[in-house]
Amino acid sequence: MTSIISFPGLGIEGFSVNTVAFSLFGRNITWYGIIITLGIIVAVTIAFLRSKKEGVVADDILDLAIYCVIFGVIGARLYYVIMKRENFNSFYDVIAIWNGGLAIYGGIIAGFITGFVITKIKKMNVRKLFDVGAPSVMIGQAIGRWGNFINAEAYGTETTLPWRMGIQNIYNPETIYVHPTFLYESLWNLIGFILINIFYNKKKFDGEVFLWYVSWYGFGRMFIEGLRTDSLYVGSVRISQLVAILSCAVGVALIILMRYKNRDNPNAVAKYAYLYQSDDNPEVVAVETEKQSSEKIKTAKEEPKSTKADGESVEKPTPNDSDGSEDKTEIKDEEKKDEAE
């Protein structure tokens, strides 16, 4: 599908955007799929970089990424299918994600549930791993929203604001000017990603960064969802807006509660050695070995040294030294007798 996109208030005239990037073996490869894949790659890369600082084994991040992506896509599809079940008449319709129909909230929920299960299996610190993953998910979302731009979807109500987006395609033969809600959410997530990384090391407890993400995204999505024309409803309630409100409220409440609870606890943020809970893990063994070595060096440096009042070291007499001194005394006495005679 080709759409004519424009931003007349910003001086950007209409230009054509085709949803298909190229064809491979008779199958169309869409820009949406390419952009989503790019978002995943960037997200995983950011997670790798952060994992080094948190002491996470790279292979574990890769395992988490693979499982979270797979089940995240499944969750995003199921969420959409459940909310739009009247549009699906067969199993093929359900699995045909190439025809569109993914809900980001379903992907986020399924991804974090998957992450929770995997970290428990690997006996890792769940809250610390969620802190590593949250910023990655946020930047992935910021990139992924541009797939909606290519598809000319996920836009808002009509507006005359200077940054309005014009859309003309088979669904809108006459150009409509709408809120570019895809852009709102992308920018909101980008700002959140930057802020989270700036304040990452200021967290007061493990899991706080994850709660920042939940609160920030929920707060923004709460307003953005209210502008959209393609919301999923349960009755008269926009389900994604309701989830956003609850996410923001719960996230902020938990941050306040946990900060108050850990206000006098300087060790609330778990150290590197507590990332893995299994003593058999090579990372834990390495940390413990290094810790023991440093303690031995420190102990050796702190051993007291005996000194004289004038600062010279004192040599402790040994049995042999004692015998030798007695012999020297006897010799000196004999020499004095000879001189007297």
C-alpha atoms as a PDB file:
ATOM      1  CA  MET A   1       0.000   0.000   0.000  1.00  0.00           C
ATOM      2  CA  THR A   2       1.219   3.495  -0.860  1.00  0.00           C
ATOM      3  CA  SER A   3       0.326   6.562   1.191  1.00  0.00           C
ATOM      4  CA  ILE A   4       0.964  10.247   0.639  1.00  0.00           C
ATOM      5  CA  ILE A   5       2.303  11.726   3.878  1.00  0.00           C
ATOM      6  CA  SER A   6       2.764  15.423   4.560  1.00  0.00           C
ATOM      7  CA  PHE A   7       3.398  17.868   7.397  1.00  0.00           C
ATOM      8  CA  PRO A   8       2.192  21.144   5.861  1.00  0.00           C
ATOM      9  CA  GLY A   9       2.536  23.130   9.096  1.00  0.00           C
ATOM     10  CA  LEU A  10       6.232  22.265   9.137  1.00  0.00           C
ATOM     11  CA  GLY A  11       6.750  23.005   5.470  1.00  0.00           C
ATOM     12  CA  ILE A  12       6.998  19.322   4.456  1.00  0.00           C
ATOM     13  CA  GLU A  13       4.998  18.683   1.290  1.00  0.00           C
ATOM     14  CA  GLY A  14       3.416  15.348   0.441  1.00  0.00           C
ATOM     15  CA  PHE A  15       5.719  12.399  -0.317  1.00  0.00           C
ATOM     16  CA  SER A  16       4.992   8.761  -1.165  1.00  0.00           C
ATOM     17  CA  VAL A  17       5.573   5.990   1.347  1.00  0.00           C
ATOM     18  CA  ASN A  18       5.235   2.333   0.301  1.00  0.00           C
ATOM     19  CA  THR A  19       4.746  -0.290   2.990  1.00  0.00           C
ATOM     20  CA  VAL A  20       6.736  -2.879   0.997  1.00  0.00           C
ATOM     21  CA  ALA A  21      10.528  -2.565   1.053  1.00  0.00           C
ATOM     22  CA  PHE A  22      11.309  -5.402  -1.389  1.00  0.00           C
ATOM     23  CA  SER A  23      10.280  -8.936  -2.341  1.00  0.00           C
ATOM     24  CA  LEU A  24      12.182 -12.106  -1.487  1.00  0.00           C
ATOM     25  CA  PHE A  25      11.241 -15.512  -2.932  1.00  0.00           C
ATOM     26  CA  GLY A  26       7.822 -14.174  -3.829  1.00  0.00           C
ATOM     27  CA  ARG A  27       7.163 -12.822  -0.333  1.00  0.00           C
ATOM     28  CA  ASN A  28       6.896  -9.105   0.331  1.00  0.00           C
ATOM     29  CA  ILE A  29       9.249  -7.804   3.017  1.00  0.00           C
ATOM     30  CA  THR A  30       7.651  -4.789   4.653  1.00  0.00           C
ATOM     31  CA  TRP A  31       9.293  -1.745   6.149  1.00  0.00           C
ATOM     32  CA  TYR A  32       7.278  -2.394   9.296  1.00  0.00           C
ATOM     33  CA  GLY A  33       9.012  -5.742   9.825  1.00  0.00           C
ATOM     34  CA  ILE A  34      12.436  -4.265   9.056  1.00  0.00           C
ATOM     35  CA  ILE A  35      11.941  -1.378  11.493  1.00  0.00           C
ATOM     36  CA  ILE A  36      10.668  -3.673  14.260  1.00  0.00           C
ATOM     37  CA  THR A  37      13.699  -5.919  13.715  1.00  0.00           C
ATOM     38  CA  LEU A  38      15.996  -2.899  13.881  1.00  0.00           C
ATOM     39  CA  GLY A  39      14.365  -1.881  17.167  1.00  0.00           C
ATOM     40  CA  ILE A  40      14.985  -5.349  18.580  1.00  0.00           C
ATOM     41  CA  ILE A  41      18.646  -5.313  17.496  1.00  0.00           C
ATOM     42  CA  VAL A  42      19.237  -1.892  19.076  1.00  0.00           C
ATOM     43  CA  ALA A  43      17.430  -2.951  22.257  1.00  0.00           C
ATOM     44  CA  VAL A  44      19.513  -6.119  22.622  1.00  0.00           C
ATOM     45  CA  THR A  45      22.721  -4.162  21.917  1.00  0.00           C
ATOM     46  CA  ILE A  46      21.876  -1.644  24.656  1.00  0.00           C
ATOM     47  CA  ALA A  47      21.129  -4.531  27.019  1.00  0.00           C
ATOM     48  CA  PHE A  48      24.547  -6.062  26.242  1.00  0.00           C
ATOM     49  CA  LEU A  49      26.324  -2.792  26.997  1.00  0.00           C
ATOM     50  CA  ARG A  50      24.425  -2.329  30.244  1.00  0.00           C
ATOM     51  CA  SER A  51      24.930  -5.968  31.249  1.00  0.00           C
ATOM     52  CA  LYS A  52      28.709  -5.504  31.355  1.00  0.00           C
ATOM     53  CA  LYS A  53      28.327  -2.808  34.007  1.00  0.00           C
ATOM     54  CA  GLU A  54      25.873  -4.917  35.992  1.00  0.00           C
ATOM     55  CA  GLY A  55      27.984  -8.063  35.758  1.00  0.00           C
ATOM     56  CA  VAL A  56      25.540 -10.109  33.670  1.00  0.00           C
ATOM     57  CA  VAL A  57      26.926 -12.945  31.555  1.00  0.00           C
ATOM     58  CA  ALA A  58      26.498 -12.093  27.855  1.00  0.00           C
ATOM     59  CA  ASP A  59      25.077 -15.537  27.036  1.00  0.00           C
ATOM     60  CA  ASP A  60      22.312 -14.996  29.564  1.00  0.00           C
ATOM     61  CA  ILE A  61      21.326 -11.722  27.904  1.00  0.00           C
ATOM     62  CA  LEU A  62      21.203 -13.504  24.533  1.00  0.00           C
ATOM     63  CA  ASP A  63      19.015 -16.283  25.978  1.00  0.00           C
ATOM     64  CA  LEU A  64      16.682 -13.729  27.521  1.00  0.00           C
ATOM     65  CA  ALA A  65      16.484 -11.750  24.286  1.00  0.00           C
ATOM     66  CA  ILE A  66      15.599 -14.782  22.178  1.00  0.00           C
ATOM     67  CA  TYR A  67      12.846 -16.024  24.479  1.00  0.00           C
ATOM     68  CA  CYS A  68      11.462 -12.558  25.232  1.00  0.00           C
ATOM     69  CA  VAL A  69      11.238 -11.656  21.534  1.00  0.00           C
ATOM     70  CA  ILE A  70       9.513 -14.923  20.609  1.00  0.00           C
ATOM     71  CA  PHE A  71       6.955 -14.831  23.402  1.00  0.00           C
ATOM     72  CA  GLY A  72       6.656 -11.052  23.130  1.00  0.00           C
ATOM     73  CA  VAL A  73       5.433 -11.381  19.540  1.00  0.00           C
ATOM     74  CA  ILE A  74       3.050 -14.164  20.570  1.00  0.00           C
ATOM     75  CA  GLY A  75       1.757 -12.030  23.432  1.00  0.00           C
ATOM     76  CA  ALA A  76       1.303  -8.981  21.199  1.00  0.00           C
ATOM     77  CA  ARG A  77      -0.691 -11.053  18.730  1.00  0.00           C
ATOM     78  CA  LEU A  78      -2.864 -12.767  21.358  1.00  0.00           C
ATOM     79  CA  TYR A  79      -3.634  -9.439  23.020  1.00  0.00           C
ATOM     80  CA  TYR A  80      -4.828  -8.037  19.699  1.00  0.00           C
ATOM     81  CA  VAL A  81      -6.775 -11.182  18.747  1.00  0.00           C
ATOM     82  CA  ILE A  82      -8.565 -11.291  22.109  1.00  0.00           C
ATOM     83  CA  MET A  83      -9.576  -7.625  21.816  1.00  0.00           C
ATOM     84  CA  LYS A  84     -10.650  -8.034  18.167  1.00  0.00           C
ATOM     85  CA  ARG A  85     -11.823 -11.636  18.258  1.00  0.00           C
ATOM     86  CA  GLU A  86     -14.833 -10.872  16.028  1.00  0.00           C
ATOM     87  CA  ASN A  87     -12.399 -10.332  13.134  1.00  0.00           C
ATOM     88  CA  PHE A  88     -10.811 -13.804  13.348  1.00  0.00           C
ATOM     89  CA  ASN A  89     -12.622 -16.823  11.969  1.00  0.00           C
ATOM     90  CA  SER A  90      -9.868 -19.453  11.693  1.00  0.00           C
ATOM     91  CA  PHE A  91      -6.536 -20.502  13.161  1.00  0.00           C
ATOM     92  CA  TYR A  92      -4.834 -19.189  10.029  1.00  0.00           C
ATOM     93  CA  ASP A  93      -6.334 -15.764  10.658  1.00  0.00           C
ATOM     94  CA  VAL A  94      -4.931 -15.854  14.175  1.00  0.00           C
ATOM     95  CA  ILE A  95      -1.335 -16.676  13.170  1.00  0.00           C
ATOM     96  CA  ALA A  96      -1.207 -14.464  10.054  1.00  0.00           C
ATOM     97  CA  ILE A  97       0.699 -11.634  11.716  1.00  0.00           C
ATOM     98  CA  TRP A  98       2.022 -10.567   8.286  1.00  0.00           C
ATOM     99  CA  ASN A  99      -1.454  -9.169   7.672  1.00  0.00           C
ATOM    100  CA  GLY A 100      -1.051  -6.836  10.640  1.00  0.00           C
ATOM    101  CA  GLY A 101      -2.473  -6.828  14.137  1.00  0.00           C
ATOM    102  CA  LEU A 102      -0.006  -6.572  17.045  1.00  0.00           C
ATOM    103  CA  ALA A 103      -0.649  -4.794  20.347  1.00  0.00           C
ATOM    104  CA  ILE A 104       2.442  -3.403  22.064  1.00  0.00           C
ATOM    105  CA  TYR A 105       1.049  -3.871  25.568  1.00  0.00           C
ATOM    106  CA  GLY A 106       0.578  -7.562  24.935  1.00  0.00           C
ATOM    107  CA  GLY A 107       4.197  -7.798  23.800  1.00  0.00           C
ATOM    108  CA  ILE A 108       5.495  -5.919  26.849  1.00  0.00           C
ATOM    109  CA  ILE A 109       3.481  -7.997  29.315  1.00  0.00           C
ATOM    110  CA  ALA A 110       4.416 -11.312  27.695  1.00  0.00           C
ATOM    111  CA  GLY A 111       8.057 -10.260  27.363  1.00  0.00           C
ATOM    112  CA  PHE A 112       8.448  -9.373  31.023  1.00  0.00           C
ATOM    113  CA  ILE A 113       6.612 -12.516  32.177  1.00  0.00           C
ATOM    114  CA  THR A 114       9.011 -14.540  30.021  1.00  0.00           C
ATOM    115  CA  GLY A 115      11.968 -12.637  31.447  1.00  0.00           C
ATOM    116  CA  PHE A 116      10.757 -13.305  34.984  1.00  0.00           C
ATOM    117  CA  VAL A 117      10.497 -17.056  34.344  1.00  0.00           C
ATOM    118  CA  ILE A 118      13.904 -17.303  32.633  1.00  0.00           C
ATOM    119  CA  THR A 119      15.707 -15.349  35.365  1.00  0.00           C
ATOM    120  CA  LYS A 120      14.118 -17.561  38.009  1.00  0.00           C
ATOM    121  CA  ILE A 121      15.266 -20.675  36.158  1.00  0.00           C
ATOM    122  CA  LYS A 122      18.791 -19.267  35.898  1.00  0.00           C
ATOM    123  CA  LYS A 123      18.656 -18.215  39.576  1.00  0.00           C
ATOM    124  CA  MET A 124      19.392 -14.596  38.808  1.00  0.00           C
ATOM    125  CA  ASN A 125      18.374 -11.366  40.518  1.00  0.00           C
ATOM    126  CA  VAL A 126      15.060 -10.662  38.776  1.00  0.00           C
ATOM    127  CA  ARG A 127      14.779  -7.013  39.762  1.00  0.00           C
ATOM    128  CA  LYS A 128      18.323  -6.208  38.647  1.00  0.00           C
ATOM    129  CA  LEU A 129      17.721  -7.903  35.288  1.00  0.00           C
ATOM    130  CA  PHE A 130      14.503  -5.930  34.831  1.00  0.00           C
ATOM    131  CA  ASP A 131      16.526  -2.755  35.424  1.00  0.00           C
ATOM    132  CA  VAL A 132      18.863  -3.828  32.626  1.00  0.00           C
ATOM    133  CA  GLY A 133      15.990  -4.637  30.290  1.00  0.00           C
ATOM    134  CA  ALA A 134      13.683  -1.661  30.862  1.00  0.00           C
ATOM    135  CA  PRO A 135      15.733   1.018  29.034  1.00  0.00           C
ATOM    136  CA  SER A 136      16.327  -1.424  26.180  1.00  0.00           C
ATOM    137  CA  VAL A 137      12.613  -2.015  25.742  1.00  0.00           C
ATOM    138  CA  MET A 138      11.984   1.729  25.789  1.00  0.00           C
ATOM    139  CA  ILE A 139      14.423   2.512  22.962  1.00  0.00           C
ATOM    140  CA  GLY A 140      13.097  -0.482  21.020  1.00  0.00           C
ATOM    141  CA  GLN A 141       9.593   0.960  21.272  1.00  0.00           C
ATOM    142  CA  ALA A 142      10.812   4.405  20.204  1.00  0.00           C
ATOM    143  CA  ILE A 143      12.239   2.909  17.009  1.00  0.00           C
ATOM    144  CA  GLY A 144       9.406   0.468  16.399  1.00  0.00           C
ATOM    145  CA  ARG A 145       6.761   3.216  16.322  1.00  0.00           C
ATOM    146  CA  TRP A 146       8.205   4.410  13.009  1.00  0.00           C
ATOM    147  CA  GLY A 147       6.831   1.219  11.519  1.00  0.00           C
ATOM    148  CA  ASN A 148       3.384   2.700  12.213  1.00  0.00           C
ATOM    149  CA  PHE A 149       4.449   5.815  10.329  1.00  0.00           C
ATOM    150  CA  ILE A 150       5.311   3.777   7.232  1.00  0.00           C
ATOM    151  CA  ASN A 151       1.963   1.989   7.463  1.00  0.00           C
ATOM    152  CA  ALA A 152       0.151   5.322   7.993  1.00  0.00           C
ATOM    153  CA  GLU A 153      -1.548   3.889  11.068  1.00  0.00           C
ATOM    154  CA  ALA A 154      -1.825   4.465  14.822  1.00  0.00           C
ATOM    155  CA  TYR A 155      -2.640   8.101  14.239  1.00  0.00           C
ATOM    156  CA  GLY A 156      -4.924  10.364  16.257  1.00  0.00           C
ATOM    157  CA  THR A 157      -7.979  12.505  15.742  1.00  0.00           C
ATOM    158  CA  GLU A 158      -8.054  15.306  13.200  1.00  0.00           C
ATOM    159  CA  THR A 159      -6.340  18.545  14.178  1.00  0.00           C
ATOM    160  CA  THR A 160      -5.165  21.885  12.827  1.00  0.00           C
ATOM    161  CA  LEU A 161      -2.015  22.061  14.978  1.00  0.00           C
ATOM    162  CA  PRO A 162       1.218  23.150  13.216  1.00  0.00           C
ATOM    163  CA  TRP A 163       2.710  19.654  13.443  1.00  0.00           C
ATOM    164  CA  ARG A 164      -0.393  17.918  12.026  1.00  0.00           C
ATOM    165  CA  MET A 165       0.237  14.983   9.705  1.00  0.00           C
ATOM    166  CA  GLY A 166      -1.549  14.674   6.385  1.00  0.00           C
ATOM    167  CA  ILE A 167      -2.511  11.175   5.171  1.00  0.00           C
ATOM    168  CA  GLN A 168      -3.937  10.155   1.810  1.00  0.00           C
ATOM    169  CA  ASN A 169      -4.333   6.486   0.751  1.00  0.00           C
ATOM    170  CA  ILE A 170      -6.944   3.925  -0.224  1.00  0.00           C
ATOM    171  CA  TYR A 171      -8.570   4.273   3.202  1.00  0.00           C
ATOM    172  CA  ASN A 172      -8.535   8.067   3.044  1.00  0.00           C
ATOM    173  CA  PRO A 173      -9.032   9.192  -0.588  1.00  0.00           C
ATOM    174  CA  GLU A 174      -9.214  12.772   0.641  1.00  0.00           C
ATOM    175  CA  THR A 175      -6.263  13.963   2.716  1.00  0.00           C
ATOM    176  CA  ILE A 176      -6.962  14.062   6.434  1.00  0.00           C
ATOM    177  CA  TYR A 177      -4.846  16.005   8.928  1.00  0.00           C
ATOM    178  CA  VAL A 178      -4.363  14.193  12.200  1.00  0.00           C
ATOM    179  CA  HIS A 179      -2.309  14.001  15.394  1.00  0.00           C
ATOM    180  CA  PRO A 180       0.885  12.012  14.606  1.00  0.00           C
ATOM    181  CA  THR A 181       0.484   9.913  17.755  1.00  0.00           C
ATOM    182  CA  PHE A 182       3.163   7.486  16.564  1.00  0.00           C
ATOM    183  CA  LEU A 183       5.587  10.433  16.741  1.00  0.00           C
ATOM    184  CA  TYR A 184       4.324  11.504  20.164  1.00  0.00           C
ATOM    185  CA  GLU A 185       4.996   8.079  21.605  1.00  0.00           C
ATOM    186  CA  SER A 186       8.343   7.689  19.857  1.00  0.00           C
ATOM    187  CA  LEU A 187       9.603  11.019  21.213  1.00  0.00           C
ATOM    188  CA  TRP A 188       8.172  10.303  24.670  1.00  0.00           C
ATOM    189  CA  ASN A 189      10.045   6.996  24.813  1.00  0.00           C
ATOM    190  CA  LEU A 190      13.254   8.565  23.499  1.00  0.00           C
ATOM    191  CA  ILE A 191      13.151  11.248  26.221  1.00  0.00           C
ATOM    192  CA  GLY A 192      12.424   8.574  28.824  1.00  0.00           C
ATOM    193  CA  PHE A 193      15.339   6.462  27.583  1.00  0.00           C
ATOM    194  CA  ILE A 194      17.738   9.401  27.864  1.00  0.00           C
ATOM    195  CA  LEU A 195      16.549  10.350  31.362  1.00  0.00           C
ATOM    196  CA  ILE A 196      16.680   6.779  32.631  1.00  0.00           C
ATOM    197  CA  ASN A 197      20.265   6.381  31.463  1.00  0.00           C
ATOM    198  CA  ILE A 198      21.267   9.692  33.046  1.00  0.00           C
ATOM    199  CA  PHE A 199      19.829   8.720  36.427  1.00  0.00           C
ATOM    200  CA  TYR A 200      20.431   4.956  36.211  1.00  0.00           C
ATOM    201  CA  ASN A 201      23.214   4.968  38.799  1.00  0.00           C
ATOM    202  CA  LYS A 202      21.072   7.054  41.163  1.00  0.00           C
ATOM    203  CA  LYS A 203      18.613   4.248  41.802  1.00  0.00           C
ATOM    204  CA  LYS A 204      18.053   3.438  45.476  1.00  0.00           C
ATOM    205  CA  PHE A 205      16.996  -0.185  45.079  1.00  0.00           C
ATOM    206  CA  ASP A 206      17.042  -2.927  42.469  1.00  0.00           C
ATOM    207  CA  GLY A 207      13.920  -2.764  40.346  1.00  0.00           C
ATOM    208  CA  GLU A 208      13.574   1.019  40.566  1.00  0.00           C
ATOM    209  CA  VAL A 209      14.677   1.587  36.959  1.00  0.00           C
ATOM    210  CA  PHE A 210      12.011  -0.850  35.798  1.00  0.00           C
ATOM    211  CA  LEU A 211       9.423   1.063  37.818  1.00  0.00           C
ATOM    212  CA  TRP A 212      10.641   4.322  36.236  1.00  0.00           C
ATOM    213  CA  TYR A 213       9.983   2.785  32.835  1.00  0.00           C
ATOM    214  CA  VAL A 214       6.526   1.514  33.805  1.00  0.00           C
ATOM    215  CA  SER A 215       5.568   4.886  35.296  1.00  0.00           C
ATOM    216  CA  TRP A 216       7.007   7.013  32.483  1.00  0.00           C
ATOM    217  CA  TYR A 217       5.551   4.971  29.654  1.00  0.00           C
ATOM    218  CA  GLY A 218       2.202   4.603  31.402  1.00  0.00           C
ATOM    219  CA  PHE A 219       1.923   8.342  32.034  1.00  0.00           C
ATOM    220  CA  GLY A 220       2.634   9.244  28.415  1.00  0.00           C
ATOM    221  CA  ARG A 221       0.529   6.483  26.893  1.00  0.00           C
ATOM    222  CA  MET A 222      -2.396   7.502  29.106  1.00  0.00           C
ATOM    223  CA  PHE A 223      -2.706  10.799  27.194  1.00  0.00           C
ATOM    224  CA  ILE A 224      -1.559   9.578  23.783  1.00  0.00           C
ATOM    225  CA  GLU A 225      -4.043   6.714  23.766  1.00  0.00           C
ATOM    226  CA  GLY A 226      -6.850   9.205  24.368  1.00  0.00           C
ATOM    227  CA  LEU A 227      -6.051  10.825  20.999  1.00  0.00           C
ATOM    228  CA  ARG A 228      -5.934   7.662  18.920  1.00  0.00           C
ATOM    229  CA  THR A 229      -8.729   6.523  16.618  1.00  0.00           C
ATOM    230  CA  ASP A 230      -7.804   2.830  16.560  1.00  0.00           C
ATOM    231  CA  SER A 231      -7.916   2.004  20.272  1.00  0.00           C
ATOM    232  CA  LEU A 232      -8.913  -1.456  21.480  1.00  0.00           C
ATOM    233  CA  TYR A 233     -12.046  -1.301  23.643  1.00  0.00           C
ATOM    234  CA  VAL A 234     -13.646  -3.378  26.362  1.00  0.00           C
ATOM    235  CA  GLY A 235     -17.136  -1.987  26.392  1.00  0.00           C
ATOM    236  CA  SER A 236     -16.683   1.764  26.329  1.00  0.00           C
ATOM    237  CA  VAL A 237     -13.243   1.668  27.976  1.00  0.00           C
ATOM    238  CA  ARG A 238     -10.018   2.054  26.016  1.00  0.00           C
ATOM    239  CA  ILE A 239      -8.185  -0.956  27.400  1.00  0.00           C
ATOM    240  CA  SER A 240      -4.679   0.331  26.644  1.00  0.00           C
ATOM    241  CA  GLN A 241      -5.491   3.644  28.322  1.00  0.00           C
ATOM    242  CA  LEU A 242      -6.761   1.822  31.402  1.00  0.00           C
ATOM    243  CA  VAL A 243      -3.607  -0.314  31.533  1.00  0.00           C
ATOM    244  CA  ALA A 244      -1.509   2.843  31.152  1.00  0.00           C
ATOM    245  CA  ILE A 245      -3.262   4.568  34.063  1.00  0.00           C
ATOM    246  CA  LEU A 246      -2.837   1.526  36.297  1.00  0.00           C
ATOM    247  CA  SER A 247       0.819   1.123  35.262  1.00  0.00           C
ATOM    248  CA  CYS A 248       1.625   4.720  36.106  1.00  0.00           C
ATOM    249  CA  ALA A 249      -0.241   4.663  39.429  1.00  0.00           C
ATOM    250  CA  VAL A 250       1.232   1.350  40.594  1.00  0.00           C
ATOM    251  CA  GLY A 251       4.735   2.280  39.407  1.00  0.00           C
ATOM    252  CA  VAL A 252       4.808   5.615  41.240  1.00  0.00           C
ATOM    253  CA  ALA A 253       3.296   4.090  44.389  1.00  0.00           C
ATOM    254  CA  LEU A 254       5.918   1.317  44.484  1.00  0.00           C
ATOM    255  CA  ILE A 255       8.780   3.784  43.926  1.00  0.00           C
ATOM    256  CA  ILE A 256       7.617   5.895  46.872  1.00  0.00           C
ATOM    257  CA  LEU A 257       7.026   2.844  49.065  1.00  0.00           C
ATOM    258  CA  MET A 258      10.365   1.180  48.293  1.00  0.00           C
ATOM    259  CA  ARG A 259      12.332   4.416  48.655  1.00  0.00           C
ATOM    260  CA  TYR A 260      10.747   4.982  52.065  1.00  0.00           C
ATOM    261  CA  LYS A 261      11.378   1.376  53.054  1.00  0.00           C
ATOM    262  CA  ASN A 262      15.057   1.548  52.037  1.00  0.00           C
ATOM    263  CA  ARG A 263      15.739   5.107  53.195  1.00  0.00           C
ATOM    264  CA  ASP A 264      18.168   3.921  55.912  1.00  0.00           C
ATOM    265  CA  ASN A 265      19.540   0.916  54.037  1.00  0.00           C
ATOM    266  CA  PRO A 266      22.753   1.766  52.131  1.00  0.00           C
ATOM    267  CA  ASN A 267      22.881  -1.798  50.759  1.00  0.00           C
ATOM    268  CA  ALA A 268      19.439  -1.726  49.140  1.00  0.00           C
ATOM    269  CA  VAL A 269      21.061  -1.900  45.702  1.00  0.00           C
ATOM    270  CA  ALA A 270      22.426  -5.436  45.449  1.00  0.00           C
ATOM    271  CA  LYS A 271      26.110  -5.786  44.701  1.00  0.00           C
ATOM    272  CA  TYR A 272      27.609  -7.646  41.749  1.00  0.00           C
ATOM    273  CA  ALA A 273      28.138 -10.833  43.740  1.00  0.00           C
ATOM    274  CA  TYR A 274      24.408 -11.077  44.429  1.00  0.00           C
ATOM    275  CA  LEU A 275      23.361 -10.947  40.788  1.00  0.00           C
ATOM    276  CA  TYR A 276      23.598 -14.712  40.485  1.00  0.00           C
ATOM    277  CA  GLN A 277      22.180 -16.802  43.294  1.00  0.00           C
ATOM    278  CA  SER A 278      23.921 -20.043  42.385  1.00  0.00           C
ATOM    279  CA  ASP A 279      27.383 -20.751  43.808  1.00  0.00           C
ATOM    280  CA  ASP A 280      28.120 -22.926  40.774  1.00  0.00           C
ATOM    281  CA  ASN A 281      27.931 -19.965  38.420  1.00  0.00           C
ATOM    282  CA  PRO A 282      31.419 -19.113  37.092  1.00  0.00           C
ATOM    283  CA  GLU A 283      30.793 -15.395  37.509  1.00  0.00           C
ATOM    284  CA  VAL A 284      30.094 -15.846  41.214  1.00  0.00           C
ATOM    285  CA  VAL A 285      33.170 -18.041  41.645  1.00  0.00           C
ATOM    286  CA  ALA A 286      35.347 -15.428  39.957  1.00  0.00           C
ATOM    287  CA  VAL A 287      33.939 -12.655  42.124  1.00  0.00           C
ATOM    288  CA  GLU A 288      34.372 -14.628  45.331  1.00  0.00           C
ATOM    289  CA  THR A 289      37.949 -15.581  44.397  1.00  0.00           C
ATOM    290  CA  GLU A 290      38.826 -11.968  43.668  1.00  0.00           C
ATOM    291  CA  LYS A 291      37.175 -10.878  46.904  1.00  0.00           C
ATOM    292  CA  GLN A 292      39.128 -13.412  48.973  1.00  0.00           C
ATOM    293  CA  SER A 293      42.407 -12.406  47.307  1.00  0.00           C
ATOM    294  CA  SER A 294      41.824  -8.724  48.028  1.00  0.00           C
ATOM    295  CA  GLU A 295      40.976  -9.527  51.648  1.00  0.00           C
ATOM    296  CA  LYS A 296      44.232 -11.481  52.059  1.00  0.00           C
ATOM    297  CA  ILE A 297      46.250  -8.602  50.621  1.00  0.00           C
ATOM    298  CA  LYS A 298      44.462  -6.143  52.869  1.00  0.00           C
ATOM    299  CA  THR A 299      45.049  -8.307  55.952  1.00  0.00           C
ATOM    300  CA  ALA A 300      48.730  -8.692  55.133  1.00  0.00           C
ATOM    301  CA  LYS A 301      49.127  -4.923  54.827  1.00  0.00           C
ATOM    302  CA  GLU A 302      47.422  -4.315  58.151  1.00  0.00           C
ATOM    303  CA  GLU A 303      49.645  -6.712  60.227  1.00  0.00           C
ATOM    304  CA  PRO A 304      51.378  -4.646  62.995  1.00  0.00           C
ATOM    305  CA  LYS A 305      55.173  -4.354  63.020  1.00  0.00           C
ATOM    306  CA  SER A 306      57.155  -4.211  66.310  1.00  0.00           C
ATOM    307  CA  THR A 307      59.412  -1.139  66.574  1.00  0.00           C
ATOM    308  CA  LYS A 308      61.746   0.459  69.107  1.00  0.00           C
ATOM    309  CA  ALA A 309      61.059   3.834  70.594  1.00  0.00           C
ATOM    310  CA  ASP A 310      63.545   5.359  68.145  1.00  0.00           C
ATOM    311  CA  GLY A 311      61.759   3.732  65.181  1.00  0.00           C
ATOM    312  CA  GLU A 312      64.341   0.996  64.525  1.00  0.00           C
ATOM    313  CA  SER A 313      63.051  -2.526  64.144  1.00  0.00           C
ATOM    314  CA  VAL A 314      63.630  -4.901  67.017  1.00  0.00           C
ATOM    315  CA  GLU A 315      65.180  -8.249  66.350  1.00  0.00           C
ATOM    316  CA  LYS A 316      63.608 -10.936  68.441  1.00  0.00           C
ATOM    317  CA  PRO A 317      66.205 -13.077  70.167  1.00  0.00           C
ATOM    318  CA  THR A 318      66.292 -16.688  69.154  1.00  0.00           C
ATOM    319  CA  PRO A 319      67.585 -19.551  71.274  1.00  0.00           C
ATOM    320  CA  ASN A 320      70.805 -19.592  69.245  1.00  0.00           C
ATOM    321  CA  ASP A 321      71.219 -15.821  69.623  1.00  0.00           C
ATOM    322  CA  SER A 322      70.773 -16.184  73.378  1.00  0.00           C
ATOM    323  CA  ASP A 323      73.482 -18.856  73.614  1.00  0.00           C
ATOM    324  CA  GLY A 324      75.838 -16.800  71.490  1.00  0.00           C
ATOM    325  CA  SER A 325      75.467 -13.714  73.676  1.00  0.00           C
ATOM    326  CA  GLU A 326      76.338 -15.728  76.774  1.00  0.00           C
ATOM    327  CA  ASP A 327      79.516 -17.004  75.094  1.00  0.00           C
ATOM    328  CA  LYS A 328      80.503 -13.453  74.121  1.00  0.00           C
ATOM    329  CA  THR A 329      80.001 -12.282  77.737  1.00  0.00           C
ATOM    330  CA  GLU A 330      82.247 -15.061  79.083  1.00  0.00           C
ATOM    331  CA  ILE A 331      85.025 -14.159  76.593  1.00  0.00           C
ATOM    332  CA  LYS A 332      84.870 -10.483  77.566  1.00  0.00           C
ATOM    333  CA  ASP A 333      85.145 -11.416  81.293  1.00  0.00           C
ATOM    334  CA  GLU A 334      88.238 -13.555  80.635  1.00  0.00           C
ATOM    335  CA  GLU A 335      89.874 -10.692  78.681  1.00  0.00           C
ATOM    336  CA  LYS A 336      89.271  -8.303  81.599  1.00  0.00           C
ATOM    337  CA  LYS A 337      90.897 -10.784  84.023  1.00  0.00           C
ATOM    338  CA  ASP A 338      93.957 -11.040  81.799  1.00  0.00           C
ATOM    339  CA  GLU A 339      94.318  -7.262  81.654  1.00  0.00           C
ATOM    340  CA  ALA A 340      94.008  -7.012  85.418  1.00  0.00           C
ATOM    341  CA  GLU A 341      96.767  -9.548  85.880  1.00  0.00           C
END
